[in-house]
PDB file of N, CA and C in Angstrom:
ATOM      1  N   MET A   1     -27.704  91.341 -81.435  1.00  0.00           N
ATOM      2  CA  MET A   1     -28.318  92.560 -81.969  1.00  0.00           C
ATOM      3  C   MET A   1     -27.529  92.942 -83.256  1.00  0.00           C
ATOM      4  N   GLU A   2     -28.284  93.092 -84.313  1.00  0.00           N
ATOM      5  CA  GLU A   2     -27.677  93.558 -85.580  1.00  0.00           C
ATOM      6  C   GLU A   2     -28.072  95.011 -85.786  1.00  0.00           C
ATOM      7  N   ASN A   3     -27.306  95.713 -86.624  1.00  0.00           N
ATOM      8  CA  ASN A   3     -27.639  97.118 -86.858  1.00  0.00           C
ATOM      9  C   ASN A   3     -27.244  97.573 -88.256  1.00  0.00           C
ATOM     10  N   ASN A   4     -27.872  98.646 -88.697  1.00  0.00           N
ATOM     11  CA  ASN A   4     -27.637  99.187 -90.027  1.00  0.00           C
ATOM     12  C   ASN A   4     -26.864 100.546 -89.924  1.00  0.00           C
ATOM     13  N   ILE A   5     -26.181 100.737 -88.852  1.00  0.00           N
ATOM     14  CA  ILE A   5     -25.499 102.037 -88.634  1.00  0.00           C
ATOM     15  C   ILE A   5     -24.531 102.365 -89.783  1.00  0.00           C
ATOM     16  N   LYS A   6     -23.674 101.420 -90.096  1.00  0.00           N
ATOM     17  CA  LYS A   6     -22.671 101.699 -91.112  1.00  0.00           C
ATOM     18  C   LYS A   6     -23.301 102.044 -92.452  1.00  0.00           C
ATOM     19  N   THR A   7     -24.361 101.292 -92.826  1.00  0.00           N
ATOM     20  CA  THR A   7     -25.073 101.543 -94.081  1.00  0.00           C
ATOM     21  C   THR A   7     -25.722 102.960 -94.049  1.00  0.00           C
ATOM     22  N   LEU A   8     -26.398 103.249 -92.971  1.00  0.00           N
ATOM     23  CA  LEU A   8     -27.062 104.566 -92.850  1.00  0.00           C
ATOM     24  C   LEU A   8     -26.007 105.699 -92.861  1.00  0.00           C
ATOM     25  N   ARG A   9     -24.935 105.483 -92.161  1.00  0.00           N
ATOM     26  CA  ARG A   9     -23.859 106.487 -92.047  1.00  0.00           C
ATOM     27  C   ARG A   9     -23.264 106.776 -93.422  1.00  0.00           C
ATOM     28  N   LYS A  10     -22.936 105.702 -94.142  1.00  0.00           N
ATOM     29  CA  LYS A  10     -22.333 105.840 -95.474  1.00  0.00           C
ATOM     30  C   LYS A  10     -23.279 106.463 -96.507  1.00  0.00           C
ATOM     31  N   SER A  11     -24.597 106.124 -96.350  1.00  0.00           N
ATOM     32  CA  SER A  11     -25.578 106.690 -97.320  1.00  0.00           C
ATOM     33  C   SER A  11     -25.686 108.222 -97.161  1.00  0.00           C
ATOM     34  N   LYS A  12     -25.378 108.740 -95.970  1.00  0.00           N
ATOM     35  CA  LYS A  12     -25.459 110.145 -95.742  1.00  0.00           C
ATOM     36  C   LYS A  12     -24.047 110.780 -95.754  1.00  0.00           C
ATOM     37  N   ASN A  13     -23.040 109.991 -96.025  1.00  0.00           N
ATOM     38  CA  ASN A  13     -21.641 110.470 -96.117  1.00  0.00           C
ATOM     39  C   ASN A  13     -21.178 111.035 -94.808  1.00  0.00           C
ATOM     40  N   TYR A  14     -21.572 110.417 -93.692  1.00  0.00           N
ATOM     41  CA  TYR A  14     -21.128 110.790 -92.346  1.00  0.00           C
ATOM     42  C   TYR A  14     -19.998 109.870 -91.911  1.00  0.00           C
ATOM     43  N   THR A  15     -19.081 110.420 -91.146  1.00  0.00           N
ATOM     44  CA  THR A  15     -18.005 109.615 -90.626  1.00  0.00           C
ATOM     45  C   THR A  15     -18.406 109.068 -89.238  1.00  0.00           C
ATOM     46  N   GLN A  16     -17.631 108.170 -88.743  1.00  0.00           N
ATOM     47  CA  GLN A  16     -17.834 107.636 -87.407  1.00  0.00           C
ATOM     48  C   GLN A  16     -17.675 108.768 -86.406  1.00  0.00           C
ATOM     49  N   ASP A  17     -16.735 109.641 -86.641  1.00  0.00           N
ATOM     50  CA  ASP A  17     -16.517 110.829 -85.796  1.00  0.00           C
ATOM     51  C   ASP A  17     -17.759 111.733 -85.755  1.00  0.00           C
ATOM     52  N   ASP A  18     -18.329 111.959 -86.946  1.00  0.00           N
ATOM     53  CA  ASP A  18     -19.559 112.776 -87.021  1.00  0.00           C
ATOM     54  C   ASP A  18     -20.645 112.247 -86.140  1.00  0.00           C
ATOM     55  N   LEU A  19     -20.903 110.978 -86.305  1.00  0.00           N
ATOM     56  CA  LEU A  19     -21.973 110.295 -85.527  1.00  0.00           C
ATOM     57  C   LEU A  19     -21.627 110.327 -83.992  1.00  0.00           C
ATOM     58  N   ALA A  20     -20.425 109.977 -83.727  1.00  0.00           N
ATOM     59  CA  ALA A  20     -20.015 109.943 -82.273  1.00  0.00           C
ATOM     60  C   ALA A  20     -20.193 111.293 -81.632  1.00  0.00           C
ATOM     61  N   GLU A  21     -19.778 112.346 -82.286  1.00  0.00           N
ATOM     62  CA  GLU A  21     -19.941 113.699 -81.703  1.00  0.00           C
ATOM     63  C   GLU A  21     -21.393 114.064 -81.573  1.00  0.00           C
ATOM     64  N   ALA A  22     -22.195 113.721 -82.549  1.00  0.00           N
ATOM     65  CA  ALA A  22     -23.643 114.118 -82.521  1.00  0.00           C
ATOM     66  C   ALA A  22     -24.382 113.401 -81.405  1.00  0.00           C
ATOM     67  N   VAL A  23     -24.000 112.155 -81.072  1.00  0.00           N
ATOM     68  CA  VAL A  23     -24.724 111.439 -80.014  1.00  0.00           C
ATOM     69  C   VAL A  23     -23.984 111.386 -78.688  1.00  0.00           C
ATOM     70  N   GLY A  24     -22.855 112.000 -78.594  1.00  0.00           N
ATOM     71  CA  GLY A  24     -22.156 112.167 -77.326  1.00  0.00           C
ATOM     72  C   GLY A  24     -21.391 110.961 -76.838  1.00  0.00           C
ATOM     73  N   VAL A  25     -20.795 110.204 -77.786  1.00  0.00           N
ATOM     74  CA  VAL A  25     -19.931 109.073 -77.390  1.00  0.00           C
ATOM     75  C   VAL A  25     -18.604 109.193 -78.159  1.00  0.00           C
ATOM     76  N   THR A  26     -17.730 108.240 -77.934  1.00  0.00           N
ATOM     77  CA  THR A  26     -16.437 108.249 -78.643  1.00  0.00           C
ATOM     78  C   THR A  26     -16.551 107.490 -79.965  1.00  0.00           C
ATOM     79  N   ARG A  27     -15.607 107.727 -80.834  1.00  0.00           N
ATOM     80  CA  ARG A  27     -15.541 107.011 -82.128  1.00  0.00           C
ATOM     81  C   ARG A  27     -15.378 105.534 -81.862  1.00  0.00           C
ATOM     82  N   GLN A  28     -14.659 105.187 -80.812  1.00  0.00           N
ATOM     83  CA  GLN A  28     -14.451 103.732 -80.476  1.00  0.00           C
ATOM     84  C   GLN A  28     -15.792 103.091 -80.140  1.00  0.00           C
ATOM     85  N   THR A  29     -16.693 103.794 -79.474  1.00  0.00           N
ATOM     86  CA  THR A  29     -18.016 103.231 -79.153  1.00  0.00           C
ATOM     87  C   THR A  29     -18.760 102.990 -80.470  1.00  0.00           C
ATOM     88  N   ILE A  30     -18.744 103.886 -81.371  1.00  0.00           N
ATOM     89  CA  ILE A  30     -19.422 103.665 -82.679  1.00  0.00           C
ATOM     90  C   ILE A  30     -18.863 102.490 -83.406  1.00  0.00           C
ATOM     91  N   ILE A  31     -17.515 102.372 -83.389  1.00  0.00           N
ATOM     92  CA  ILE A  31     -16.856 101.192 -84.021  1.00  0.00           C
ATOM     93  C   ILE A  31     -17.349  99.916 -83.388  1.00  0.00           C
ATOM     94  N   SER A  32     -17.415  99.880 -82.060  1.00  0.00           N
ATOM     95  CA  SER A  32     -17.838  98.664 -81.346  1.00  0.00           C
ATOM     96  C   SER A  32     -19.296  98.340 -81.646  1.00  0.00           C
ATOM     97  N   ILE A  33     -20.150  99.294 -81.702  1.00  0.00           N
ATOM     98  CA  ILE A  33     -21.563  99.076 -82.015  1.00  0.00           C
ATOM     99  C   ILE A  33     -21.718  98.565 -83.459  1.00  0.00           C
ATOM    100  N   GLU A  34     -21.063  99.246 -84.384  1.00  0.00           N
ATOM    101  CA  GLU A  34     -21.147  98.825 -85.790  1.00  0.00           C
ATOM    102  C   GLU A  34     -20.648  97.376 -85.991  1.00  0.00           C
ATOM    103  N   SER A  35     -19.631  96.964 -85.278  1.00  0.00           N
ATOM    104  CA  SER A  35     -19.073  95.665 -85.418  1.00  0.00           C
ATOM    105  C   SER A  35     -19.803  94.569 -84.632  1.00  0.00           C
ATOM    106  N   GLY A  36     -20.787  95.005 -83.818  1.00  0.00           N
ATOM    107  CA  GLY A  36     -21.533  94.039 -83.014  1.00  0.00           C
ATOM    108  C   GLY A  36     -20.865  93.606 -81.719  1.00  0.00           C
ATOM    109  N   LYS A  37     -19.781  94.313 -81.354  1.00  0.00           N
ATOM    110  CA  LYS A  37     -19.075  93.947 -80.130  1.00  0.00           C
ATOM    111  C   LYS A  37     -19.704  94.602 -78.883  1.00  0.00           C
ATOM    112  N   TYR A  38     -20.571  95.607 -79.116  1.00  0.00           N
ATOM    113  CA  TYR A  38     -21.169  96.311 -77.994  1.00  0.00           C
ATOM    114  C   TYR A  38     -22.600  96.649 -78.382  1.00  0.00           C
ATOM    115  N   ASN A  39     -23.526  96.471 -77.443  1.00  0.00           N
ATOM    116  CA  ASN A  39     -24.931  96.823 -77.644  1.00  0.00           C
ATOM    117  C   ASN A  39     -25.171  98.198 -77.035  1.00  0.00           C
ATOM    118  N   ALA A  40     -25.743  99.049 -77.882  1.00  0.00           N
ATOM    119  CA  ALA A  40     -26.071 100.431 -77.430  1.00  0.00           C
ATOM    120  C   ALA A  40     -27.160 100.397 -76.357  1.00  0.00           C
ATOM    121  N   SER A  41     -27.022 101.309 -75.429  1.00  0.00           N
ATOM    122  CA  SER A  41     -28.082 101.463 -74.440  1.00  0.00           C
ATOM    123  C   SER A  41     -29.352 101.934 -75.169  1.00  0.00           C
ATOM    124  N   LEU A  42     -30.479 101.812 -74.544  1.00  0.00           N
ATOM    125  CA  LEU A  42     -31.719 102.229 -75.159  1.00  0.00           C
ATOM    126  C   LEU A  42     -31.679 103.752 -75.471  1.00  0.00           C
ATOM    127  N   GLN A  43     -31.136 104.504 -74.563  1.00  0.00           N
ATOM    128  CA  GLN A  43     -31.026 105.928 -74.761  1.00  0.00           C
ATOM    129  C   GLN A  43     -30.137 106.263 -75.970  1.00  0.00           C
ATOM    130  N   LEU A  44     -29.007 105.611 -76.067  1.00  0.00           N
ATOM    131  CA  LEU A  44     -28.076 105.809 -77.175  1.00  0.00           C
ATOM    132  C   LEU A  44     -28.710 105.369 -78.485  1.00  0.00           C
ATOM    133  N   ALA A  45     -29.450 104.258 -78.415  1.00  0.00           N
ATOM    134  CA  ALA A  45     -30.071 103.754 -79.659  1.00  0.00           C
ATOM    135  C   ALA A  45     -31.076 104.774 -80.206  1.00  0.00           C
ATOM    136  N   PHE A  46     -31.825 105.402 -79.302  1.00  0.00           N
ATOM    137  CA  PHE A  46     -32.792 106.437 -79.733  1.00  0.00           C
ATOM    138  C   PHE A  46     -32.025 107.638 -80.310  1.00  0.00           C
ATOM    139  N   LYS A  47     -30.983 108.034 -79.683  1.00  0.00           N
ATOM    140  CA  LYS A  47     -30.185 109.171 -80.183  1.00  0.00           C
ATOM    141  C   LYS A  47     -29.674 108.886 -81.584  1.00  0.00           C
ATOM    142  N   ILE A  48     -29.197 107.680 -81.808  1.00  0.00           N
ATOM    143  CA  ILE A  48     -28.664 107.321 -83.122  1.00  0.00           C
ATOM    144  C   ILE A  48     -29.806 107.352 -84.156  1.00  0.00           C
ATOM    145  N   ALA A  49     -30.931 106.751 -83.840  1.00  0.00           N
ATOM    146  CA  ALA A  49     -32.070 106.765 -84.762  1.00  0.00           C
ATOM    147  C   ALA A  49     -32.549 108.169 -85.054  1.00  0.00           C
ATOM    148  N   ASN A  50     -32.595 109.022 -84.046  1.00  0.00           N
ATOM    149  CA  ASN A  50     -32.988 110.401 -84.249  1.00  0.00           C
ATOM    150  C   ASN A  50     -32.037 111.155 -85.141  1.00  0.00           C
ATOM    151  N   TYR A  51     -30.744 110.885 -84.956  1.00  0.00           N
ATOM    152  CA  TYR A  51     -29.699 111.502 -85.770  1.00  0.00           C
ATOM    153  C   TYR A  51     -29.900 111.252 -87.252  1.00  0.00           C
ATOM    154  N   PHE A  52     -30.329 110.004 -87.579  1.00  0.00           N
ATOM    155  CA  PHE A  52     -30.530 109.613 -88.972  1.00  0.00           C
ATOM    156  C   PHE A  52     -31.980 109.932 -89.412  1.00  0.00           C
ATOM    157  N   GLY A  53     -32.838 110.330 -88.500  1.00  0.00           N
ATOM    158  CA  GLY A  53     -34.207 110.641 -88.848  1.00  0.00           C
ATOM    159  C   GLY A  53     -35.051 109.458 -89.192  1.00  0.00           C
ATOM    160  N   VAL A  54     -34.756 108.309 -88.516  1.00  0.00           N
ATOM    161  CA  VAL A  54     -35.493 107.082 -88.827  1.00  0.00           C
ATOM    162  C   VAL A  54     -35.994 106.447 -87.494  1.00  0.00           C
ATOM    163  N   LYS A  55     -36.829 105.429 -87.584  1.00  0.00           N
ATOM    164  CA  LYS A  55     -37.296 104.708 -86.415  1.00  0.00           C
ATOM    165  C   LYS A  55     -36.171 103.820 -85.901  1.00  0.00           C
ATOM    166  N   ILE A  56     -36.224 103.571 -84.610  1.00  0.00           N
ATOM    167  CA  ILE A  56     -35.206 102.781 -83.974  1.00  0.00           C
ATOM    168  C   ILE A  56     -35.125 101.353 -84.636  1.00  0.00           C
ATOM    169  N   GLU A  57     -36.268 100.869 -85.076  1.00  0.00           N
ATOM    170  CA  GLU A  57     -36.322  99.553 -85.725  1.00  0.00           C
ATOM    171  C   GLU A  57     -35.634  99.542 -87.082  1.00  0.00           C
ATOM    172  N   ASP A  58     -35.429 100.716 -87.674  1.00  0.00           N
ATOM    173  CA  ASP A  58     -34.693 100.839 -88.937  1.00  0.00           C
ATOM    174  C   ASP A  58     -33.185 100.750 -88.722  1.00  0.00           C
ATOM    175  N   VAL A  59     -32.750 100.973 -87.497  1.00  0.00           N
ATOM    176  CA  VAL A  59     -31.338 100.954 -87.133  1.00  0.00           C
ATOM    177  C   VAL A  59     -30.921  99.657 -86.522  1.00  0.00           C
ATOM    178  N   PHE A  60     -31.712  99.173 -85.521  1.00  0.00           N
ATOM    179  CA  PHE A  60     -31.373  98.025 -84.750  1.00  0.00           C
ATOM    180  C   PHE A  60     -32.392  96.883 -84.937  1.00  0.00           C
ATOM    181  N   MET A  61     -31.889  95.678 -85.162  1.00  0.00           N
ATOM    182  CA  MET A  61     -32.748  94.479 -85.348  1.00  0.00           C
ATOM    183  C   MET A  61     -32.291  93.441 -84.325  1.00  0.00           C
ATOM    184  N   TYR A  62     -33.225  92.978 -83.507  1.00  0.00           N
ATOM    185  CA  TYR A  62     -32.933  91.951 -82.555  1.00  0.00           C
ATOM    186  C   TYR A  62     -32.935  90.559 -83.221  1.00  0.00           C
ATOM    187  N   LYS A  63     -31.894  89.840 -83.058  1.00  0.00           N
ATOM    188  CA  LYS A  63     -31.778  88.456 -83.579  1.00  0.00           C
ATOM    189  C   LYS A  63     -31.430  87.538 -82.394  1.00  0.00           C
ATOM    190  N   GLU A  64     -32.252  86.531 -82.199  1.00  0.00           N
ATOM    191  CA  GLU A  64     -31.950  85.588 -81.137  1.00  0.00           C
ATOM    192  C   GLU A  64     -30.756  84.700 -81.563  1.00  0.00           C
ATOM    193  N   ASP A  65     -29.933  84.353 -80.557  1.00  0.00           N
ATOM    194  CA  ASP A  65     -28.751  83.538 -80.864  1.00  0.00           C
ATOM    195  C   ASP A  65     -29.137  82.087 -81.102  1.00  0.00           C
TER     196      ASP A  65
END
């Protein structure tokens, strides 16, 4: 799973802490998702997309291995 979280976050000048607090997770979780080491749950993915005001498909892209 690939994502655009870092790009979206930087375009709005948000920190990892800002995003983590807004969606109810730790900064370490955001770091892990951004780096591709952790896949967000569906619920968390929707929270992140809503936070940025975009569709979930604009944040997360499924890539087969």
